[in-house]
Amino acid sequence: MKKYTESEKSEIIELALSDHVSFNSIKLIYGISEDDVKKLMRDNLKPRSYKSWRKRVREFSDRREKYK
């Protein structure tokens, strides 16, 4: 995974936390894969925050075909 500045990391995290931005959009903007976004989130969020985020993404993606 490429090294990102703190402001880039913050922006990627903000985009990933948004319910309106897909992993594909993040990849187009920053060139970072879905797995790398998850790793970045895991490394920079508190463990419980990361688990809550993954649960939310998983639940929404089960209900919507084109979510994240």
PDB file of N, CA and C in Angstrom:
ATOM      1  N   MET A   1       0.848  -1.182   0.000  1.00  0.00           N
ATOM      2  CA  MET A   1       0.000   0.000   0.000  1.00  0.00           C
ATOM      3  C   MET A   1       0.892   1.244   0.000  1.00  0.00           C
ATOM      4  N   LYS A   2       0.501   2.215  -0.767  1.00  0.00           N
ATOM      5  CA  LYS A   2       1.218   3.473  -0.902  1.00  0.00           C
ATOM      6  C   LYS A   2       1.170   4.259   0.411  1.00  0.00           C
ATOM      7  N   LYS A   3       2.189   5.053   0.662  1.00  0.00           N
ATOM      8  CA  LYS A   3       2.209   5.927   1.835  1.00  0.00           C
ATOM      9  C   LYS A   3       1.358   7.160   1.532  1.00  0.00           C
ATOM     10  N   TYR A   4       0.473   7.488   2.442  1.00  0.00           N
ATOM     11  CA  TYR A   4      -0.396   8.654   2.292  1.00  0.00           C
ATOM     12  C   TYR A   4      -0.085   9.663   3.377  1.00  0.00           C
ATOM     13  N   THR A   5      -0.274  10.933   3.064  1.00  0.00           N
ATOM     14  CA  THR A   5      -0.099  11.974   4.071  1.00  0.00           C
ATOM     15  C   THR A   5      -1.246  11.863   5.074  1.00  0.00           C
ATOM     16  N   GLU A   6      -1.087  12.497   6.198  1.00  0.00           N
ATOM     17  CA  GLU A   6      -2.135  12.465   7.216  1.00  0.00           C
ATOM     18  C   GLU A   6      -3.439  13.046   6.679  1.00  0.00           C
ATOM     19  N   SER A   7      -3.352  14.095   5.870  1.00  0.00           N
ATOM     20  CA  SER A   7      -4.576  14.688   5.313  1.00  0.00           C
ATOM     21  C   SER A   7      -5.239  13.740   4.311  1.00  0.00           C
ATOM     22  N   GLU A   8      -4.437  13.011   3.521  1.00  0.00           N
ATOM     23  CA  GLU A   8      -5.003  12.033   2.591  1.00  0.00           C
ATOM     24  C   GLU A   8      -5.662  10.882   3.353  1.00  0.00           C
ATOM     25  N   LYS A   9      -4.998  10.402   4.407  1.00  0.00           N
ATOM     26  CA  LYS A   9      -5.580   9.341   5.238  1.00  0.00           C
ATOM     27  C   LYS A   9      -6.909   9.802   5.819  1.00  0.00           C
ATOM     28  N   SER A  10      -6.918  11.021   6.323  1.00  0.00           N
ATOM     29  CA  SER A  10      -8.136  11.569   6.914  1.00  0.00           C
ATOM     30  C   SER A  10      -9.263  11.643   5.884  1.00  0.00           C
ATOM     31  N   GLU A  11      -8.933  12.068   4.676  1.00  0.00           N
ATOM     32  CA  GLU A  11      -9.919  12.168   3.598  1.00  0.00           C
ATOM     33  C   GLU A  11     -10.443  10.787   3.200  1.00  0.00           C
ATOM     34  N   ILE A  12      -9.548   9.803   3.088  1.00  0.00           N
ATOM     35  CA  ILE A  12      -9.963   8.448   2.734  1.00  0.00           C
ATOM     36  C   ILE A  12     -10.880   7.881   3.812  1.00  0.00           C
ATOM     37  N   ILE A  13     -10.524   8.082   5.069  1.00  0.00           N
ATOM     38  CA  ILE A  13     -11.350   7.602   6.177  1.00  0.00           C
ATOM     39  C   ILE A  13     -12.712   8.273   6.150  1.00  0.00           C
ATOM     40  N   GLU A  14     -12.729   9.580   5.917  1.00  0.00           N
ATOM     41  CA  GLU A  14     -13.995  10.311   5.845  1.00  0.00           C
ATOM     42  C   GLU A  14     -14.866   9.781   4.708  1.00  0.00           C
ATOM     43  N   LEU A  15     -14.274   9.531   3.556  1.00  0.00           N
ATOM     44  CA  LEU A  15     -15.021   8.990   2.420  1.00  0.00           C
ATOM     45  C   LEU A  15     -15.540   7.590   2.730  1.00  0.00           C
ATOM     46  N   ALA A  16     -14.702   6.767   3.350  1.00  0.00           N
ATOM     47  CA  ALA A  16     -15.107   5.398   3.669  1.00  0.00           C
ATOM     48  C   ALA A  16     -16.235   5.369   4.695  1.00  0.00           C
ATOM     49  N   LEU A  17     -16.224   6.300   5.626  1.00  0.00           N
ATOM     50  CA  LEU A  17     -17.275   6.357   6.635  1.00  0.00           C
ATOM     51  C   LEU A  17     -18.598   6.863   6.060  1.00  0.00           C
ATOM     52  N   SER A  18     -18.526   7.578   4.953  1.00  0.00           N
ATOM     53  CA  SER A  18     -19.729   8.102   4.319  1.00  0.00           C
ATOM     54  C   SER A  18     -20.548   6.975   3.703  1.00  0.00           C
ATOM     55  N   ASP A  19     -21.840   7.036   3.887  1.00  0.00           N
ATOM     56  CA  ASP A  19     -22.722   6.028   3.288  1.00  0.00           C
ATOM     57  C   ASP A  19     -22.982   6.299   1.810  1.00  0.00           C
ATOM     58  N   HIS A  20     -22.493   7.407   1.307  1.00  0.00           N
ATOM     59  CA  HIS A  20     -22.793   7.797  -0.072  1.00  0.00           C
ATOM     60  C   HIS A  20     -21.617   7.641  -1.030  1.00  0.00           C
ATOM     61  N   VAL A  21     -20.487   7.156  -0.525  1.00  0.00           N
ATOM     62  CA  VAL A  21     -19.295   7.006  -1.360  1.00  0.00           C
ATOM     63  C   VAL A  21     -18.918   5.538  -1.424  1.00  0.00           C
ATOM     64  N   SER A  22     -18.802   5.008  -2.628  1.00  0.00           N
ATOM     65  CA  SER A  22     -18.479   3.586  -2.803  1.00  0.00           C
ATOM     66  C   SER A  22     -16.962   3.369  -2.763  1.00  0.00           C
ATOM     67  N   PHE A  23     -16.575   2.105  -2.586  1.00  0.00           N
ATOM     68  CA  PHE A  23     -15.161   1.769  -2.639  1.00  0.00           C
ATOM     69  C   PHE A  23     -14.594   2.066  -4.027  1.00  0.00           C
ATOM     70  N   ASN A  24     -15.410   1.895  -5.056  1.00  0.00           N
ATOM     71  CA  ASN A  24     -14.957   2.203  -6.421  1.00  0.00           C
ATOM     72  C   ASN A  24     -14.638   3.690  -6.579  1.00  0.00           C
ATOM     73  N   SER A  25     -15.440   4.546  -5.967  1.00  0.00           N
ATOM     74  CA  SER A  25     -15.180   5.986  -6.029  1.00  0.00           C
ATOM     75  C   SER A  25     -13.870   6.332  -5.335  1.00  0.00           C
ATOM     76  N   ILE A  26     -13.635   5.701  -4.200  1.00  0.00           N
ATOM     77  CA  ILE A  26     -12.382   5.944  -3.473  1.00  0.00           C
ATOM     78  C   ILE A  26     -11.198   5.467  -4.317  1.00  0.00           C
ATOM     79  N   LYS A  27     -11.374   4.337  -4.989  1.00  0.00           N
ATOM     80  CA  LYS A  27     -10.306   3.822  -5.850  1.00  0.00           C
ATOM     81  C   LYS A  27     -10.018   4.778  -7.006  1.00  0.00           C
ATOM     82  N   LEU A  28     -11.061   5.353  -7.599  1.00  0.00           N
ATOM     83  CA  LEU A  28     -10.864   6.303  -8.695  1.00  0.00           C
ATOM     84  C   LEU A  28     -10.123   7.554  -8.233  1.00  0.00           C
ATOM     85  N   ILE A  29     -10.424   8.012  -7.023  1.00  0.00           N
ATOM     86  CA  ILE A  29      -9.814   9.241  -6.507  1.00  0.00           C
ATOM     87  C   ILE A  29      -8.381   9.003  -6.032  1.00  0.00           C
ATOM     88  N   TYR A  30      -8.173   7.936  -5.241  1.00  0.00           N
ATOM     89  CA  TYR A  30      -6.883   7.714  -4.590  1.00  0.00           C
ATOM     90  C   TYR A  30      -6.107   6.505  -5.108  1.00  0.00           C
ATOM     91  N   GLY A  31      -6.731   5.676  -5.929  1.00  0.00           N
ATOM     92  CA  GLY A  31      -6.046   4.500  -6.446  1.00  0.00           C
ATOM     93  C   GLY A  31      -5.800   3.437  -5.382  1.00  0.00           C
ATOM     94  N   ILE A  32      -6.656   3.385  -4.384  1.00  0.00           N
ATOM     95  CA  ILE A  32      -6.501   2.447  -3.272  1.00  0.00           C
ATOM     96  C   ILE A  32      -7.615   1.399  -3.355  1.00  0.00           C
ATOM     97  N   SER A  33      -7.245   0.132  -3.227  1.00  0.00           N
ATOM     98  CA  SER A  33      -8.222  -0.952  -3.361  1.00  0.00           C
ATOM     99  C   SER A  33      -9.116  -1.054  -2.129  1.00  0.00           C
ATOM    100  N   GLU A  34     -10.197  -1.801  -2.263  1.00  0.00           N
ATOM    101  CA  GLU A  34     -11.126  -2.009  -1.149  1.00  0.00           C
ATOM    102  C   GLU A  34     -10.412  -2.646   0.046  1.00  0.00           C
ATOM    103  N   ASP A  35      -9.571  -3.633  -0.221  1.00  0.00           N
ATOM    104  CA  ASP A  35      -8.833  -4.288   0.864  1.00  0.00           C
ATOM    105  C   ASP A  35      -7.889  -3.319   1.567  1.00  0.00           C
ATOM    106  N   ASP A  36      -7.254  -2.441   0.794  1.00  0.00           N
ATOM    107  CA  ASP A  36      -6.354  -1.451   1.391  1.00  0.00           C
ATOM    108  C   ASP A  36      -7.123  -0.403   2.198  1.00  0.00           C
ATOM    109  N   VAL A  37      -8.324  -0.058   1.740  1.00  0.00           N
ATOM    110  CA  VAL A  37      -9.173   0.870   2.516  1.00  0.00           C
ATOM    111  C   VAL A  37      -9.515   0.227   3.857  1.00  0.00           C
ATOM    112  N   LYS A  38      -9.888  -1.044   3.821  1.00  0.00           N
ATOM    113  CA  LYS A  38     -10.221  -1.749   5.061  1.00  0.00           C
ATOM    114  C   LYS A  38      -9.016  -1.809   5.990  1.00  0.00           C
ATOM    115  N   LYS A  39      -7.823  -2.051   5.444  1.00  0.00           N
ATOM    116  CA  LYS A  39      -6.607  -2.099   6.262  1.00  0.00           C
ATOM    117  C   LYS A  39      -6.320  -0.722   6.857  1.00  0.00           C
ATOM    118  N   LEU A  40      -6.457   0.317   6.047  1.00  0.00           N
ATOM    119  CA  LEU A  40      -6.249   1.687   6.534  1.00  0.00           C
ATOM    120  C   LEU A  40      -7.226   2.011   7.658  1.00  0.00           C
ATOM    121  N   MET A  41      -8.470   1.621   7.477  1.00  0.00           N
ATOM    122  CA  MET A  41      -9.491   1.852   8.504  1.00  0.00           C
ATOM    123  C   MET A  41      -9.144   1.070   9.776  1.00  0.00           C
ATOM    124  N   ARG A  42      -8.753  -0.172   9.629  1.00  0.00           N
ATOM    125  CA  ARG A  42      -8.407  -1.015  10.776  1.00  0.00           C
ATOM    126  C   ARG A  42      -7.234  -0.420  11.555  1.00  0.00           C
ATOM    127  N   ASP A  43      -6.256   0.121  10.820  1.00  0.00           N
ATOM    128  CA  ASP A  43      -5.058   0.681  11.453  1.00  0.00           C
ATOM    129  C   ASP A  43      -5.301   2.036  12.108  1.00  0.00           C
ATOM    130  N   ASN A  44      -6.342   2.762  11.668  1.00  0.00           N
ATOM    131  CA  ASN A  44      -6.526   4.136  12.138  1.00  0.00           C
ATOM    132  C   ASN A  44      -7.771   4.372  12.987  1.00  0.00           C
ATOM    133  N   LEU A  45      -8.667   3.398  13.041  1.00  0.00           N
ATOM    134  CA  LEU A  45      -9.847   3.530  13.893  1.00  0.00           C
ATOM    135  C   LEU A  45      -9.663   2.687  15.144  1.00  0.00           C
ATOM    136  N   LYS A  46     -10.401   3.034  16.171  1.00  0.00           N
ATOM    137  CA  LYS A  46     -10.424   2.198  17.362  1.00  0.00           C
ATOM    138  C   LYS A  46     -11.065   0.872  16.965  1.00  0.00           C
ATOM    139  N   PRO A  47     -10.664  -0.222  17.625  1.00  0.00           N
ATOM    140  CA  PRO A  47     -11.201  -1.545  17.237  1.00  0.00           C
ATOM    141  C   PRO A  47     -12.728  -1.606  17.195  1.00  0.00           C
ATOM    142  N   ARG A  48     -13.373  -1.037  18.169  1.00  0.00           N
ATOM    143  CA  ARG A  48     -14.841  -1.086  18.185  1.00  0.00           C
ATOM    144  C   ARG A  48     -15.439  -0.234  17.061  1.00  0.00           C
ATOM    145  N   SER A  49     -14.821   0.896  16.772  1.00  0.00           N
ATOM    146  CA  SER A  49     -15.294   1.748  15.670  1.00  0.00           C
ATOM    147  C   SER A  49     -15.149   1.026  14.338  1.00  0.00           C
ATOM    148  N   TYR A  50     -14.029   0.326  14.169  1.00  0.00           N
ATOM    149  CA  TYR A  50     -13.813  -0.421  12.938  1.00  0.00           C
ATOM    150  C   TYR A  50     -14.864  -1.524  12.784  1.00  0.00           C
ATOM    151  N   LYS A  51     -15.109  -2.266  13.857  1.00  0.00           N
ATOM    152  CA  LYS A  51     -16.107  -3.340  13.806  1.00  0.00           C
ATOM    153  C   LYS A  51     -17.498  -2.795  13.508  1.00  0.00           C
ATOM    154  N   SER A  52     -17.842  -1.671  14.097  1.00  0.00           N
ATOM    155  CA  SER A  52     -19.147  -1.051  13.834  1.00  0.00           C
ATOM    156  C   SER A  52     -19.264  -0.618  12.379  1.00  0.00           C
ATOM    157  N   TRP A  53     -18.190  -0.043  11.853  1.00  0.00           N
ATOM    158  CA  TRP A  53     -18.183   0.395  10.449  1.00  0.00           C
ATOM    159  C   TRP A  53     -18.342  -0.805   9.518  1.00  0.00           C
ATOM    160  N   ARG A  54     -17.577  -1.879   9.757  1.00  0.00           N
ATOM    161  CA  ARG A  54     -17.677  -3.074   8.907  1.00  0.00           C
ATOM    162  C   ARG A  54     -19.072  -3.680   8.975  1.00  0.00           C
ATOM    163  N   LYS A  55     -19.650  -3.711  10.157  1.00  0.00           N
ATOM    164  CA  LYS A  55     -21.003  -4.255  10.314  1.00  0.00           C
ATOM    165  C   LYS A  55     -21.995  -3.421   9.505  1.00  0.00           C
ATOM    166  N   ARG A  56     -21.876  -2.090   9.598  1.00  0.00           N
ATOM    167  CA  ARG A  56     -22.793  -1.213   8.866  1.00  0.00           C
ATOM    168  C   ARG A  56     -22.643  -1.405   7.358  1.00  0.00           C
ATOM    169  N   VAL A  57     -21.405  -1.468   6.883  1.00  0.00           N
ATOM    170  CA  VAL A  57     -21.161  -1.660   5.451  1.00  0.00           C
ATOM    171  C   VAL A  57     -21.734  -3.005   4.995  1.00  0.00           C
ATOM    172  N   ARG A  58     -21.504  -4.030   5.790  1.00  0.00           N
ATOM    173  CA  ARG A  58     -21.987  -5.375   5.443  1.00  0.00           C
ATOM    174  C   ARG A  58     -23.518  -5.416   5.407  1.00  0.00           C
ATOM    175  N   GLU A  59     -24.170  -4.827   6.407  1.00  0.00           N
ATOM    176  CA  GLU A  59     -25.634  -4.828   6.449  1.00  0.00           C
ATOM    177  C   GLU A  59     -26.234  -4.039   5.297  1.00  0.00           C
ATOM    178  N   PHE A  60     -25.671  -2.871   4.990  1.00  0.00           N
ATOM    179  CA  PHE A  60     -26.192  -2.078   3.884  1.00  0.00           C
ATOM    180  C   PHE A  60     -25.963  -2.768   2.551  1.00  0.00           C
ATOM    181  N   SER A  61     -24.811  -3.414   2.401  1.00  0.00           N
ATOM    182  CA  SER A  61     -24.534  -4.067   1.120  1.00  0.00           C
ATOM    183  C   SER A  61     -25.436  -5.274   0.914  1.00  0.00           C
ATOM    184  N   ASP A  62     -25.896  -5.886   2.007  1.00  0.00           N
ATOM    185  CA  ASP A  62     -26.849  -6.990   1.880  1.00  0.00           C
ATOM    186  C   ASP A  62     -28.210  -6.492   1.397  1.00  0.00           C
ATOM    187  N   ARG A  63     -28.563  -5.265   1.782  1.00  0.00           N
ATOM    188  CA  ARG A  63     -29.863  -4.705   1.411  1.00  0.00           C
ATOM    189  C   ARG A  63     -29.838  -3.990   0.069  1.00  0.00           C
ATOM    190  N   ARG A  64     -28.713  -3.423  -0.280  1.00  0.00           N
ATOM    191  CA  ARG A  64     -28.615  -2.664  -1.532  1.00  0.00           C
ATOM    192  C   ARG A  64     -27.599  -3.326  -2.450  1.00  0.00           C
ATOM    193  N   GLU A  65     -27.960  -3.427  -3.697  1.00  0.00           N
ATOM    194  CA  GLU A  65     -27.074  -4.076  -4.654  1.00  0.00           C
ATOM    195  C   GLU A  65     -25.804  -3.263  -4.901  1.00  0.00           C
ATOM    196  N   LYS A  66     -25.896  -1.957  -4.931  1.00  0.00           N
ATOM    197  CA  LYS A  66     -24.757  -1.128  -5.299  1.00  0.00           C
ATOM    198  C   LYS A  66     -24.274  -0.268  -4.141  1.00  0.00           C
ATOM    199  N   TYR A  67     -24.155  -0.854  -2.966  1.00  0.00           N
ATOM    200  CA  TYR A  67     -23.633  -0.117  -1.816  1.00  0.00           C
ATOM    201  C   TYR A  67     -22.193  -0.516  -1.587  1.00  0.00           C
ATOM    202  N   LYS A  68     -21.351   0.446  -1.473  1.00  0.00           N
ATOM    203  CA  LYS A  68     -19.914   0.259  -1.203  1.00  0.00           C
ATOM    204  C   LYS A  68     -19.341  -0.756  -2.084  1.00  0.00           C
TER     205      LYS A  68
END
